[in-house]
């Protein structure tokens, strides 16, 4: 729970007279709308899970992930005792991506400026009761953060993975004029990030999903929700009047990936979920 403690420290160190993040009025209003009713839990991806799934040869469903049934799964799907022991040792090392850490650093600075309590959790430490009732930010792909799967059937752009050859894309369930039926990433050239704002399952708070086809694209999504120009563009495309609240939405971004950095990202398309 050290991550949660660090997030709380961000809030407690916030300046007492910072009602709005300087120069970002649209970002400030957006974040207050999403998270002004209670604490925020930023949930970092569990990248170790992806490698464990490769070792057992199958995905780990959320029901087994939440109850940490990794020993049973290793016993069931890995025949070699040596490989099984290595898999168990490996899955016990909970790690996340540098991009997720950088994103939550930016979230922490923003939350501190707005005096919003931000707590950090690994996906491994999240629970069904918390995500159903609290404000959460889910970072990372469905494979690295199985909690994303709770909302996948609500998405207009659904995640599609292929193991052989390796590929990932967002399938467009109902293409509009000018849209593609699917948006597939090209490794080390460009990727996509889906950003969605939804109510939590109990409608007592909000969920912000930031899911990239790679870790760098996830970082682009985090930049999108903290950048004034991006939120201003979002409001314009949604046709919102000044001061009007932002409706639930889903946005697809395209990112260019060069040398593990993001020189730019662009809004490809969006859906309002009013």
C-alpha atoms as a PDB file:
ATOM      1  CA  UNK A   1       0.000   0.000   0.000  1.00  0.00           C
ATOM      2  CA  UNK A   2       3.015   2.291  -0.283  1.00  0.00           C
ATOM      3  CA  UNK A   3       1.630   3.717  -3.529  1.00  0.00           C
ATOM      4  CA  UNK A   4      -1.528   4.838  -1.782  1.00  0.00           C
ATOM      5  CA  UNK A   5       0.500   6.541   0.912  1.00  0.00           C
ATOM      6  CA  UNK A   6       2.511   8.429  -1.686  1.00  0.00           C
ATOM      7  CA  UNK A   7      -0.689   9.575  -3.390  1.00  0.00           C
ATOM      8  CA  UNK A   8      -2.074  10.836  -0.095  1.00  0.00           C
ATOM      9  CA  UNK A   9       1.131  12.784   0.501  1.00  0.00           C
ATOM     10  CA  UNK A  10       0.576  14.574  -2.821  1.00  0.00           C
ATOM     11  CA  UNK A  11      -2.796  15.786  -1.564  1.00  0.00           C
ATOM     12  CA  UNK A  12      -1.623  16.820   1.873  1.00  0.00           C
ATOM     13  CA  UNK A  13       1.200  18.883   0.390  1.00  0.00           C
ATOM     14  CA  UNK A  14      -1.172  20.808  -1.896  1.00  0.00           C
ATOM     15  CA  UNK A  15      -1.031  24.606  -1.539  1.00  0.00           C
ATOM     16  CA  UNK A  16      -3.930  25.907   0.534  1.00  0.00           C
ATOM     17  CA  UNK A  17      -4.755  28.709  -1.892  1.00  0.00           C
ATOM     18  CA  UNK A  18      -4.759  26.904  -5.255  1.00  0.00           C
ATOM     19  CA  UNK A  19      -8.423  26.769  -6.361  1.00  0.00           C
ATOM     20  CA  UNK A  20      -7.478  26.265 -10.022  1.00  0.00           C
ATOM     21  CA  UNK A  21      -4.422  25.021 -11.871  1.00  0.00           C
ATOM     22  CA  UNK A  22      -2.885  28.120 -13.442  1.00  0.00           C
ATOM     23  CA  UNK A  23      -3.523  28.409 -17.182  1.00  0.00           C
ATOM     24  CA  UNK A  24      -5.732  25.314 -17.381  1.00  0.00           C
ATOM     25  CA  UNK A  25      -9.323  26.371 -16.622  1.00  0.00           C
ATOM     26  CA  UNK A  26     -10.901  23.705 -18.853  1.00  0.00           C
ATOM     27  CA  UNK A  27      -8.737  20.960 -17.343  1.00  0.00           C
ATOM     28  CA  UNK A  28      -9.552  22.206 -13.839  1.00  0.00           C
ATOM     29  CA  UNK A  29     -13.299  22.208 -14.505  1.00  0.00           C
ATOM     30  CA  UNK A  30     -13.143  18.760 -16.127  1.00  0.00           C
ATOM     31  CA  UNK A  31     -11.272  17.172 -13.220  1.00  0.00           C
ATOM     32  CA  UNK A  32     -13.534  18.782 -10.632  1.00  0.00           C
ATOM     33  CA  UNK A  33     -16.540  17.433 -12.501  1.00  0.00           C
ATOM     34  CA  UNK A  34     -15.089  13.921 -12.580  1.00  0.00           C
ATOM     35  CA  UNK A  35     -13.592  13.702  -9.125  1.00  0.00           C
ATOM     36  CA  UNK A  36     -14.898  16.545  -6.990  1.00  0.00           C
ATOM     37  CA  UNK A  37     -17.208  14.285  -4.975  1.00  0.00           C
ATOM     38  CA  UNK A  38     -14.579  12.173  -3.218  1.00  0.00           C
ATOM     39  CA  UNK A  39     -11.144  10.547  -3.312  1.00  0.00           C
ATOM     40  CA  UNK A  40      -9.564   9.333  -6.564  1.00  0.00           C
ATOM     41  CA  UNK A  41      -7.835   5.964  -6.975  1.00  0.00           C
ATOM     42  CA  UNK A  42      -5.359   5.890  -9.851  1.00  0.00           C
ATOM     43  CA  UNK A  43      -4.858   2.217 -10.754  1.00  0.00           C
ATOM     44  CA  UNK A  44      -1.505   1.410 -12.386  1.00  0.00           C
ATOM     45  CA  UNK A  45      -1.123  -1.495 -14.796  1.00  0.00           C
ATOM     46  CA  UNK A  46       0.346  -4.832 -13.714  1.00  0.00           C
ATOM     47  CA  UNK A  47       2.839  -5.542 -16.509  1.00  0.00           C
ATOM     48  CA  UNK A  48       4.079  -8.705 -14.795  1.00  0.00           C
ATOM     49  CA  UNK A  49       0.708 -10.267 -15.527  1.00  0.00           C
ATOM     50  CA  UNK A  50       1.313 -10.224 -19.291  1.00  0.00           C
ATOM     51  CA  UNK A  51       4.436 -12.365 -18.990  1.00  0.00           C
ATOM     52  CA  UNK A  52       2.742 -14.730 -16.541  1.00  0.00           C
ATOM     53  CA  UNK A  53      -0.096 -15.236 -19.015  1.00  0.00           C
ATOM     54  CA  UNK A  54       2.443 -16.118 -21.692  1.00  0.00           C
ATOM     55  CA  UNK A  55       3.960 -18.717 -19.356  1.00  0.00           C
ATOM     56  CA  UNK A  56       0.620 -20.403 -18.596  1.00  0.00           C
ATOM     57  CA  UNK A  57      -0.624 -20.026 -22.175  1.00  0.00           C
ATOM     58  CA  UNK A  58      -3.942 -18.356 -21.379  1.00  0.00           C
ATOM     59  CA  UNK A  59      -5.357 -15.063 -20.100  1.00  0.00           C
ATOM     60  CA  UNK A  60      -6.163 -14.683 -16.408  1.00  0.00           C
ATOM     61  CA  UNK A  61      -9.836 -13.688 -16.052  1.00  0.00           C
ATOM     62  CA  UNK A  62     -10.716 -10.950 -13.590  1.00  0.00           C
ATOM     63  CA  UNK A  63     -12.401 -13.390 -11.198  1.00  0.00           C
ATOM     64  CA  UNK A  64      -9.105 -15.303 -10.786  1.00  0.00           C
ATOM     65  CA  UNK A  65      -6.969 -12.166 -10.890  1.00  0.00           C
ATOM     66  CA  UNK A  66      -8.823 -10.459  -8.044  1.00  0.00           C
ATOM     67  CA  UNK A  67      -8.449 -13.516  -5.795  1.00  0.00           C
ATOM     68  CA  UNK A  68      -4.741 -13.921  -6.732  1.00  0.00           C
ATOM     69  CA  UNK A  69      -5.045 -17.533  -7.892  1.00  0.00           C
ATOM     70  CA  UNK A  70      -1.603 -17.499  -9.495  1.00  0.00           C
ATOM     71  CA  UNK A  71      -0.234 -20.540  -7.642  1.00  0.00           C
ATOM     72  CA  UNK A  72      -3.200 -22.664  -8.702  1.00  0.00           C
ATOM     73  CA  UNK A  73      -2.920 -21.487 -12.299  1.00  0.00           C
ATOM     74  CA  UNK A  74       0.797 -22.248 -12.413  1.00  0.00           C
ATOM     75  CA  UNK A  75       0.123 -25.720 -10.995  1.00  0.00           C
ATOM     76  CA  UNK A  76      -2.641 -26.325 -13.506  1.00  0.00           C
ATOM     77  CA  UNK A  77      -0.977 -25.095 -16.707  1.00  0.00           C
ATOM     78  CA  UNK A  78       2.810 -25.491 -16.277  1.00  0.00           C
ATOM     79  CA  UNK A  79       3.999 -29.098 -16.262  1.00  0.00           C
ATOM     80  CA  UNK A  80       7.682 -28.561 -15.435  1.00  0.00           C
ATOM     81  CA  UNK A  81       8.324 -28.055 -11.685  1.00  0.00           C
ATOM     82  CA  UNK A  82      11.292 -25.812 -12.459  1.00  0.00           C
ATOM     83  CA  UNK A  83       9.335 -23.595 -14.859  1.00  0.00           C
ATOM     84  CA  UNK A  84       6.408 -23.569 -12.441  1.00  0.00           C
ATOM     85  CA  UNK A  85       8.612 -22.329  -9.621  1.00  0.00           C
ATOM     86  CA  UNK A  86      10.047 -19.617 -11.853  1.00  0.00           C
ATOM     87  CA  UNK A  87       6.548 -18.511 -12.880  1.00  0.00           C
ATOM     88  CA  UNK A  88       5.475 -18.267  -9.239  1.00  0.00           C
ATOM     89  CA  UNK A  89       8.552 -16.266  -8.342  1.00  0.00           C
ATOM     90  CA  UNK A  90       8.011 -14.004 -11.329  1.00  0.00           C
ATOM     91  CA  UNK A  91       4.330 -13.235 -10.683  1.00  0.00           C
ATOM     92  CA  UNK A  92       5.089 -12.263  -7.083  1.00  0.00           C
ATOM     93  CA  UNK A  93       7.125  -9.293  -8.373  1.00  0.00           C
ATOM     94  CA  UNK A  94       4.440  -6.678  -8.937  1.00  0.00           C
ATOM     95  CA  UNK A  95       5.732  -4.113 -11.430  1.00  0.00           C
ATOM     96  CA  UNK A  96       4.245  -1.352 -13.554  1.00  0.00           C
ATOM     97  CA  UNK A  97       5.420   0.679 -16.549  1.00  0.00           C
ATOM     98  CA  UNK A  98       7.495   3.856 -16.441  1.00  0.00           C
ATOM     99  CA  UNK A  99       4.801   5.522 -18.554  1.00  0.00           C
ATOM    100  CA  UNK A 100       2.170   4.798 -15.889  1.00  0.00           C
ATOM    101  CA  UNK A 101       4.445   6.281 -13.229  1.00  0.00           C
ATOM    102  CA  UNK A 102       4.984   9.394 -15.327  1.00  0.00           C
ATOM    103  CA  UNK A 103       1.239   9.709 -15.919  1.00  0.00           C
ATOM    104  CA  UNK A 104       0.385   9.437 -12.243  1.00  0.00           C
ATOM    105  CA  UNK A 105       3.087  11.982 -11.436  1.00  0.00           C
ATOM    106  CA  UNK A 106       1.242  14.447 -13.671  1.00  0.00           C
ATOM    107  CA  UNK A 107      -2.082  13.444 -12.108  1.00  0.00           C
ATOM    108  CA  UNK A 108      -0.603  14.041  -8.675  1.00  0.00           C
ATOM    109  CA  UNK A 109       0.573  17.547  -9.517  1.00  0.00           C
ATOM    110  CA  UNK A 110      -2.828  18.395 -10.997  1.00  0.00           C
ATOM    111  CA  UNK A 111      -4.775  16.870  -8.093  1.00  0.00           C
ATOM    112  CA  UNK A 112      -2.621  18.724  -5.577  1.00  0.00           C
ATOM    113  CA  UNK A 113      -3.294  22.022  -7.326  1.00  0.00           C
ATOM    114  CA  UNK A 114      -7.038  21.337  -7.238  1.00  0.00           C
ATOM    115  CA  UNK A 115      -6.947  19.939  -3.692  1.00  0.00           C
ATOM    116  CA  UNK A 116      -8.353  16.588  -4.825  1.00  0.00           C
ATOM    117  CA  UNK A 117      -7.252  13.527  -2.806  1.00  0.00           C
ATOM    118  CA  UNK A 118      -5.379  11.143  -5.115  1.00  0.00           C
ATOM    119  CA  UNK A 119      -4.364   7.635  -4.052  1.00  0.00           C
ATOM    120  CA  UNK A 120      -2.252   5.223  -6.114  1.00  0.00           C
ATOM    121  CA  UNK A 121      -2.890   1.494  -6.361  1.00  0.00           C
ATOM    122  CA  UNK A 122      -1.533  -1.382  -8.374  1.00  0.00           C
ATOM    123  CA  UNK A 123      -4.204  -3.217 -10.350  1.00  0.00           C
ATOM    124  CA  UNK A 124      -3.244  -6.206  -8.163  1.00  0.00           C
ATOM    125  CA  UNK A 125      -4.542  -4.358  -5.048  1.00  0.00           C
ATOM    126  CA  UNK A 126      -7.857  -3.128  -6.466  1.00  0.00           C
ATOM    127  CA  UNK A 127     -11.136  -4.763  -5.418  1.00  0.00           C
ATOM    128  CA  UNK A 128     -14.604  -5.087  -6.924  1.00  0.00           C
ATOM    129  CA  UNK A 129     -16.154  -3.119  -4.080  1.00  0.00           C
ATOM    130  CA  UNK A 130     -13.754  -0.189  -4.513  1.00  0.00           C
ATOM    131  CA  UNK A 131     -14.066   0.143  -8.289  1.00  0.00           C
ATOM    132  CA  UNK A 132     -17.856  -0.198  -8.059  1.00  0.00           C
ATOM    133  CA  UNK A 133     -18.292   2.638  -5.572  1.00  0.00           C
ATOM    134  CA  UNK A 134     -15.316   5.037  -5.837  1.00  0.00           C
ATOM    135  CA  UNK A 135     -13.732   7.370  -8.392  1.00  0.00           C
ATOM    136  CA  UNK A 136     -11.034   5.509 -10.320  1.00  0.00           C
ATOM    137  CA  UNK A 137      -8.557   6.085 -13.132  1.00  0.00           C
ATOM    138  CA  UNK A 138      -7.657   2.838 -14.907  1.00  0.00           C
ATOM    139  CA  UNK A 139      -4.324   2.921 -16.724  1.00  0.00           C
ATOM    140  CA  UNK A 140      -3.049   0.401 -19.238  1.00  0.00           C
ATOM    141  CA  UNK A 141      -4.313  -2.309 -21.545  1.00  0.00           C
ATOM    142  CA  UNK A 142      -6.878  -4.973 -20.687  1.00  0.00           C
ATOM    143  CA  UNK A 143      -4.054  -7.523 -20.524  1.00  0.00           C
ATOM    144  CA  UNK A 144      -2.034  -5.513 -18.003  1.00  0.00           C
ATOM    145  CA  UNK A 145      -5.057  -4.199 -16.097  1.00  0.00           C
ATOM    146  CA  UNK A 146      -7.897  -6.742 -16.113  1.00  0.00           C
ATOM    147  CA  UNK A 147     -10.252  -4.242 -14.453  1.00  0.00           C
ATOM    148  CA  UNK A 148     -10.567  -2.548 -17.848  1.00  0.00           C
ATOM    149  CA  UNK A 149     -12.583  -5.598 -18.888  1.00  0.00           C
ATOM    150  CA  UNK A 150     -15.450  -4.542 -16.617  1.00  0.00           C
ATOM    151  CA  UNK A 151     -16.227  -1.721 -19.068  1.00  0.00           C
ATOM    152  CA  UNK A 152     -15.201  -3.287 -22.377  1.00  0.00           C
ATOM    153  CA  UNK A 153     -18.745  -4.128 -23.456  1.00  0.00           C
ATOM    154  CA  UNK A 154     -19.687  -0.431 -23.097  1.00  0.00           C
ATOM    155  CA  UNK A 155     -16.974   0.666 -25.521  1.00  0.00           C
ATOM    156  CA  UNK A 156     -17.542   1.697 -29.119  1.00  0.00           C
ATOM    157  CA  UNK A 157     -13.874   0.847 -29.786  1.00  0.00           C
ATOM    158  CA  UNK A 158     -13.174  -2.586 -28.376  1.00  0.00           C
ATOM    159  CA  UNK A 159      -9.787  -4.117 -27.700  1.00  0.00           C
ATOM    160  CA  UNK A 160      -8.691  -6.981 -29.941  1.00  0.00           C
ATOM    161  CA  UNK A 161      -5.436  -8.875 -29.341  1.00  0.00           C
ATOM    162  CA  UNK A 162      -3.813 -11.487 -31.549  1.00  0.00           C
ATOM    163  CA  UNK A 163      -0.940 -13.592 -30.291  1.00  0.00           C
ATOM    164  CA  UNK A 164       0.388 -14.997 -33.599  1.00  0.00           C
ATOM    165  CA  UNK A 165       1.600 -12.850 -35.182  1.00  0.00           C
ATOM    166  CA  UNK A 166       1.455 -10.357 -32.278  1.00  0.00           C
ATOM    167  CA  UNK A 167      -0.929  -7.469 -32.948  1.00  0.00           C
ATOM    168  CA  UNK A 168      -3.352  -5.204 -31.129  1.00  0.00           C
ATOM    169  CA  UNK A 169      -6.134  -3.031 -32.481  1.00  0.00           C
ATOM    170  CA  UNK A 170      -9.349  -1.267 -31.531  1.00  0.00           C
ATOM    171  CA  UNK A 171     -12.341  -2.649 -33.410  1.00  0.00           C
ATOM    172  CA  UNK A 172     -14.943  -0.013 -34.338  1.00  0.00           C
ATOM    173  CA  UNK A 173     -18.314  -1.574 -33.471  1.00  0.00           C
ATOM    174  CA  UNK A 174     -20.403   0.942 -35.449  1.00  0.00           C
ATOM    175  CA  UNK A 175     -18.261   2.897 -37.928  1.00  0.00           C
ATOM    176  CA  UNK A 176     -19.491   6.358 -38.834  1.00  0.00           C
ATOM    177  CA  UNK A 177     -18.894   7.993 -42.211  1.00  0.00           C
ATOM    178  CA  UNK A 178     -15.158   8.385 -42.789  1.00  0.00           C
ATOM    179  CA  UNK A 179     -14.157   6.025 -39.964  1.00  0.00           C
ATOM    180  CA  UNK A 180     -12.235   2.771 -40.265  1.00  0.00           C
ATOM    181  CA  UNK A 181     -13.693  -0.581 -39.152  1.00  0.00           C
ATOM    182  CA  UNK A 182     -10.579  -1.109 -37.013  1.00  0.00           C
ATOM    183  CA  UNK A 183      -7.531   0.856 -35.879  1.00  0.00           C
ATOM    184  CA  UNK A 184      -4.432  -1.340 -35.688  1.00  0.00           C
ATOM    185  CA  UNK A 185      -1.152  -0.266 -34.148  1.00  0.00           C
ATOM    186  CA  UNK A 186       2.140  -0.644 -35.968  1.00  0.00           C
ATOM    187  CA  UNK A 187       4.909  -1.509 -33.543  1.00  0.00           C
ATOM    188  CA  UNK A 188       7.422   1.296 -32.949  1.00  0.00           C
ATOM    189  CA  UNK A 189       5.730   3.569 -35.525  1.00  0.00           C
ATOM    190  CA  UNK A 190       2.291   4.547 -34.298  1.00  0.00           C
ATOM    191  CA  UNK A 191      -0.328   3.398 -31.858  1.00  0.00           C
ATOM    192  CA  UNK A 192      -3.762   4.249 -30.503  1.00  0.00           C
ATOM    193  CA  UNK A 193      -5.186   5.167 -27.140  1.00  0.00           C
ATOM    194  CA  UNK A 194      -8.798   4.927 -26.021  1.00  0.00           C
ATOM    195  CA  UNK A 195      -9.863   7.460 -23.384  1.00  0.00           C
ATOM    196  CA  UNK A 196     -13.322   7.027 -21.852  1.00  0.00           C
ATOM    197  CA  UNK A 197     -15.248   8.842 -19.124  1.00  0.00           C
ATOM    198  CA  UNK A 198     -18.010   6.675 -17.606  1.00  0.00           C
ATOM    199  CA  UNK A 199     -19.978   6.292 -14.374  1.00  0.00           C
ATOM    200  CA  UNK A 200     -18.788   3.598 -11.997  1.00  0.00           C
ATOM    201  CA  UNK A 201     -20.969   0.457 -11.738  1.00  0.00           C
ATOM    202  CA  UNK A 202     -23.003   1.825  -8.808  1.00  0.00           C
ATOM    203  CA  UNK A 203     -23.244   5.334 -10.284  1.00  0.00           C
ATOM    204  CA  UNK A 204     -21.730   6.792  -7.117  1.00  0.00           C
ATOM    205  CA  UNK A 205     -18.628   8.171  -8.834  1.00  0.00           C
ATOM    206  CA  UNK A 206     -16.754   8.205 -12.113  1.00  0.00           C
ATOM    207  CA  UNK A 207     -14.246   6.107 -14.017  1.00  0.00           C
ATOM    208  CA  UNK A 208     -11.607   7.436 -16.408  1.00  0.00           C
ATOM    209  CA  UNK A 209     -10.178   4.694 -18.642  1.00  0.00           C
ATOM    210  CA  UNK A 210      -6.893   5.336 -20.444  1.00  0.00           C
ATOM    211  CA  UNK A 211      -6.013   2.293 -22.535  1.00  0.00           C
ATOM    212  CA  UNK A 212      -3.215   2.333 -25.107  1.00  0.00           C
ATOM    213  CA  UNK A 213      -2.074  -0.248 -27.625  1.00  0.00           C
ATOM    214  CA  UNK A 214       1.339   0.169 -25.967  1.00  0.00           C
ATOM    215  CA  UNK A 215       2.639   1.887 -22.841  1.00  0.00           C
ATOM    216  CA  UNK A 216       3.723   5.003 -24.727  1.00  0.00           C
ATOM    217  CA  UNK A 217       0.249   5.444 -26.196  1.00  0.00           C
ATOM    218  CA  UNK A 218      -1.259   5.128 -22.717  1.00  0.00           C
ATOM    219  CA  UNK A 219       1.002   7.999 -21.701  1.00  0.00           C
ATOM    220  CA  UNK A 220      -0.465  10.030 -24.582  1.00  0.00           C
ATOM    221  CA  UNK A 221      -3.945   9.457 -23.181  1.00  0.00           C
ATOM    222  CA  UNK A 222      -2.808  10.703 -19.784  1.00  0.00           C
ATOM    223  CA  UNK A 223      -1.432  13.819 -21.462  1.00  0.00           C
ATOM    224  CA  UNK A 224      -4.740  14.322 -23.270  1.00  0.00           C
ATOM    225  CA  UNK A 225      -6.765  14.596 -20.032  1.00  0.00           C
ATOM    226  CA  UNK A 226      -4.280  17.002 -18.400  1.00  0.00           C
ATOM    227  CA  UNK A 227      -3.595  19.357 -21.349  1.00  0.00           C
ATOM    228  CA  UNK A 228      -5.651  22.535 -21.764  1.00  0.00           C
ATOM    229  CA  UNK A 229      -5.630  22.503 -25.580  1.00  0.00           C
ATOM    230  CA  UNK A 230      -6.834  18.879 -25.632  1.00  0.00           C
ATOM    231  CA  UNK A 231      -9.767  19.450 -23.284  1.00  0.00           C
ATOM    232  CA  UNK A 232     -10.660  22.648 -25.145  1.00  0.00           C
ATOM    233  CA  UNK A 233     -10.676  20.658 -28.423  1.00  0.00           C
ATOM    234  CA  UNK A 234     -12.794  17.955 -26.793  1.00  0.00           C
ATOM    235  CA  UNK A 235     -15.358  20.507 -25.655  1.00  0.00           C
ATOM    236  CA  UNK A 236     -15.484  22.057 -29.119  1.00  0.00           C
ATOM    237  CA  UNK A 237     -16.043  18.712 -30.833  1.00  0.00           C
ATOM    238  CA  UNK A 238     -18.785  17.861 -28.332  1.00  0.00           C
ATOM    239  CA  UNK A 239     -20.433  21.214 -29.111  1.00  0.00           C
ATOM    240  CA  UNK A 240     -20.493  22.343 -25.478  1.00  0.00           C
ATOM    241  CA  UNK A 241     -21.375  25.864 -24.396  1.00  0.00           C
ATOM    242  CA  UNK A 242     -18.991  27.672 -22.013  1.00  0.00           C
ATOM    243  CA  UNK A 243     -19.457  26.300 -18.518  1.00  0.00           C
ATOM    244  CA  UNK A 244     -21.535  23.297 -19.642  1.00  0.00           C
ATOM    245  CA  UNK A 245     -20.513  19.960 -18.069  1.00  0.00           C
ATOM    246  CA  UNK A 246     -18.731  17.366 -20.174  1.00  0.00           C
ATOM    247  CA  UNK A 247     -20.952  14.346 -20.924  1.00  0.00           C
ATOM    248  CA  UNK A 248     -19.709  10.795 -20.692  1.00  0.00           C
ATOM    249  CA  UNK A 249     -17.570  10.142 -23.753  1.00  0.00           C
ATOM    250  CA  UNK A 250     -15.128   7.855 -25.512  1.00  0.00           C
ATOM    251  CA  UNK A 251     -12.217   9.230 -27.526  1.00  0.00           C
ATOM    252  CA  UNK A 252      -9.752   7.467 -29.803  1.00  0.00           C
ATOM    253  CA  UNK A 253      -6.307   9.045 -30.155  1.00  0.00           C
ATOM    254  CA  UNK A 254      -3.590   8.208 -32.663  1.00  0.00           C
ATOM    255  CA  UNK A 255      -0.019   8.480 -31.427  1.00  0.00           C
ATOM    256  CA  UNK A 256       3.291   8.584 -33.241  1.00  0.00           C
ATOM    257  CA  UNK A 257       5.990   6.636 -31.457  1.00  0.00           C
ATOM    258  CA  UNK A 258       9.624   7.595 -32.070  1.00  0.00           C
ATOM    259  CA  UNK A 259      12.505   6.618 -29.771  1.00  0.00           C
ATOM    260  CA  UNK A 260      10.086   5.800 -26.941  1.00  0.00           C
ATOM    261  CA  UNK A 261       8.697   9.329 -26.932  1.00  0.00           C
ATOM    262  CA  UNK A 262       5.487  10.923 -28.178  1.00  0.00           C
ATOM    263  CA  UNK A 263       6.172  13.857 -30.515  1.00  0.00           C
ATOM    264  CA  UNK A 264       2.438  14.242 -31.110  1.00  0.00           C
ATOM    265  CA  UNK A 265      -0.983  12.680 -30.762  1.00  0.00           C
ATOM    266  CA  UNK A 266      -4.232  13.527 -32.501  1.00  0.00           C
ATOM    267  CA  UNK A 267      -7.911  12.971 -31.816  1.00  0.00           C
ATOM    268  CA  UNK A 268      -9.159  10.514 -34.438  1.00  0.00           C
ATOM    269  CA  UNK A 269     -12.808  10.242 -33.437  1.00  0.00           C
ATOM    270  CA  UNK A 270     -15.123  10.361 -30.432  1.00  0.00           C
ATOM    271  CA  UNK A 271     -18.484   9.229 -29.128  1.00  0.00           C
ATOM    272  CA  UNK A 272     -20.705  11.117 -26.724  1.00  0.00           C
ATOM    273  CA  UNK A 273     -22.431   8.691 -24.344  1.00  0.00           C
ATOM    274  CA  UNK A 274     -25.295  10.965 -23.233  1.00  0.00           C
END
